[in-house]
Protein backbone atom coordinates (compact mmCIF):
# COMPACT_ATOMS: atom_id res chain seq x y z
CA MET A 1 0.46 -0.07 0.00
CA SER A 2 2.82 2.57 0.59
CA THR A 3 4.26 2.01 -2.87
CA LEU A 4 0.58 2.99 -4.20
CA ILE A 5 1.13 5.68 -1.99
CA SER A 6 4.03 6.52 -3.20
CA GLU A 7 3.36 6.00 -6.78
CA MET A 8 0.08 8.60 -6.74
CA GLY A 9 2.51 11.21 -4.97
CA SER A 10 4.88 11.20 -7.70
CA SER A 11 1.93 11.83 -10.34
CA ARG A 12 1.18 14.43 -8.40
CA GLU A 13 4.10 15.91 -7.76
CA ILE A 14 4.34 15.68 -11.85
CA ALA A 15 0.95 17.63 -12.35
CA ARG A 16 2.03 20.08 -10.23
CA GLN A 17 5.29 20.92 -11.57
CA ILE A 18 3.89 20.80 -14.69
CA LEU A 19 1.10 23.58 -13.45
CA GLU A 20 3.48 25.48 -11.35
CA ARG A 21 6.07 26.52 -14.52
CA GLU A 22 3.32 27.92 -16.78
CA ALA A 23 1.87 29.79 -14.05
CA ALA A 24 4.93 30.97 -11.99
CA GLY A 25 4.59 34.63 -13.85
CA ALA A 26 0.72 35.18 -13.68
CA THR A 27 -0.46 36.80 -10.83
CA GLU A 28 -4.09 37.93 -11.26
CA VAL A 29 -7.21 35.68 -12.01
CA ASP A 30 -7.49 35.88 -15.49
CA GLY A 31 -3.42 35.04 -15.82
CA LEU A 32 -3.94 32.40 -13.89
CA GLY A 33 -6.89 30.80 -15.97
CA ASP A 34 -4.73 31.71 -19.38
CA ALA A 35 -2.02 29.75 -18.05
CA LEU A 36 -4.24 26.89 -17.31
CA GLU A 37 -5.55 26.83 -20.72
CA ARG A 38 -1.77 27.09 -21.92
CA THR A 39 -0.42 24.35 -19.96
CA PHE A 40 -3.12 21.55 -20.86
CA THR A 41 -3.09 22.73 -24.50
CA ARG A 42 0.31 21.97 -24.52
CA VAL A 43 -0.15 18.46 -22.60
CA SER A 44 -2.63 17.69 -24.79
CA ARG A 45 -0.74 18.09 -27.69
CA ASN A 46 2.07 16.63 -26.61
CA ILE A 47 -0.05 13.44 -25.63
CA ARG A 48 -2.17 13.66 -29.28
CA CYS A 49 1.49 13.96 -31.23
CA SER A 50 2.41 10.52 -29.75
CA VAL A 51 -0.65 8.47 -29.25
CA GLY A 52 -3.39 10.10 -32.07
CA ASP A 53 -6.70 11.73 -31.40
CA ASP A 54 -8.23 8.65 -30.36
CA GLY A 55 -5.75 7.59 -27.89
CA TYR A 56 -5.62 10.77 -26.66
CA ALA A 57 -9.57 10.90 -25.87
CA ALA A 58 -9.58 7.34 -24.25
CA LEU A 59 -6.33 8.77 -21.75
CA LEU A 60 -8.94 11.87 -21.29
CA ALA A 61 -11.57 10.37 -21.01
CA ARG A 62 -10.33 7.21 -18.62
CA ALA A 63 -8.40 10.10 -16.41
CA VAL A 64 -11.64 12.38 -15.94
CA VAL A 65 -13.62 9.61 -14.75
CA THR A 66 -11.36 8.32 -12.19
CA THR A 67 -11.14 12.27 -11.11
CA ALA A 68 -14.80 13.34 -11.52
CA PRO A 69 -16.03 12.01 -8.54
CA ASP A 70 -13.56 13.66 -6.52
CA GLU A 71 -13.76 16.83 -8.49
CA PRO A 72 -16.71 17.26 -10.81
CA VAL A 73 -15.65 20.93 -11.99
CA LEU A 74 -14.49 20.70 -15.22
CA PRO A 75 -17.16 20.09 -18.12
CA VAL A 76 -15.94 17.49 -20.55
CA ILE A 77 -16.91 18.68 -23.92
CA PRO A 78 -17.24 16.00 -26.87
CA ARG A 79 -16.17 17.26 -30.43
CA SER A 80 -18.35 17.03 -33.48
CA ASP A 81 -15.08 17.44 -35.41
CA ALA A 82 -14.35 13.41 -34.49
CA LYS A 83 -11.52 15.02 -32.41
CA GLY A 84 -12.05 13.36 -29.11
CA VAL A 85 -13.08 15.69 -26.45
CA ASP A 86 -11.90 18.65 -24.83
CA LEU A 87 -12.04 20.79 -21.95
CA ASP A 88 -13.68 23.50 -21.66
CA ILE A 89 -11.34 25.46 -18.93
CA PRO A 90 -12.06 29.35 -19.43
CA THR A 91 -15.91 27.96 -18.82
CA ALA A 92 -15.00 26.80 -15.51
CA VAL A 93 -13.05 29.28 -14.52
CA LYS A 94 -16.08 31.59 -14.92
CA ALA A 95 -18.10 29.19 -12.74
CA HIS A 96 -15.78 27.86 -10.35
CA GLY A 97 -12.97 30.10 -10.01
CA VAL A 98 -9.35 29.55 -10.96
CA HIS A 99 -8.26 27.58 -7.90
CA ALA A 100 -10.49 25.50 -8.06
CA VAL A 101 -10.18 24.48 -11.54
CA ARG A 102 -6.33 24.32 -10.75
CA ALA A 103 -6.66 21.75 -8.34
CA TYR A 104 -9.09 19.77 -10.90
CA LEU A 105 -6.57 19.90 -13.51
CA GLU A 106 -4.28 18.83 -11.04
CA SER A 107 -5.71 15.73 -10.22
CA LEU A 108 -6.16 15.04 -13.97
CA LEU A 109 -2.90 15.92 -15.15
CA ALA A 110 -2.21 13.56 -12.14
CA ALA A 111 -4.69 10.64 -12.74
CA LEU A 112 -2.82 11.10 -16.31
CA VAL A 113 0.33 10.85 -15.49
CA GLY A 114 -0.63 7.17 -13.18
CA ILE A 115 -2.40 5.61 -16.53
CA LEU A 116 0.83 6.54 -18.85
CA SER A 117 3.40 5.46 -15.94
CA ASP A 118 1.53 2.01 -15.58
CA LEU A 119 1.64 1.81 -19.26
CA ILE A 120 5.25 3.02 -20.06
CA GLY A 121 7.10 3.63 -16.88
CA GLU A 122 7.09 7.22 -15.35
CA ASP A 123 10.23 8.28 -17.05
CA MET A 124 8.10 8.47 -19.85
CA ALA A 125 5.17 9.63 -18.97
CA ARG A 126 7.36 12.75 -18.14
CA MET A 127 9.16 12.58 -21.21
CA LEU A 128 5.10 12.60 -23.46
CA LEU A 129 3.27 14.86 -21.35
CA ASP A 130 6.54 17.33 -21.28
CA PRO A 131 8.95 16.90 -23.26
CA ASP A 132 10.78 20.33 -23.06
CA ARG A 133 11.06 20.17 -19.43
CA SER A 134 11.83 15.87 -18.66
CA PRO A 135 15.64 15.50 -17.25
CA ARG A 136 16.35 12.98 -20.08
CA SER A 137 14.64 15.13 -22.64
CA PRO A 138 16.52 15.18 -26.29
CA ARG A 139 16.49 18.44 -25.92
CA ARG A 140 18.03 19.14 -22.62
CA LEU A 141 20.61 16.57 -23.32
CA GLY A 142 21.94 18.52 -26.61
CA ARG A 143 20.65 16.91 -28.74
CA ARG A 144 18.42 18.32 -31.68
């Protein structure tokens, strides 16, 4: 059981690091909301590039189901253009406040890290979600 707790803590810490980096310079609520939107857009793009739209939709749906009972804040928006689902972050910020949405996104990203870590390992999950900041990223090792 302590392994499960440490894995959850590690996933949560990775999620927190991803969110904090983008929001570091934002001080006002609108700026924080924009930072959350940029972060989730970047992470979504990274996942889609690696697993495709269907893989992304499946991962996101599983993560949403995992976090929904705890924090049902962010509306999931099915898309009509067959590209899966998106999250309506601006609407959620207006309805629930930036701090509630940030907490939900942290839980959602932690769930994504956990799911991906189970499938491909934590190091690879971190590289997939945040390749520019991963300690093992080829860009950080000087290869381009």
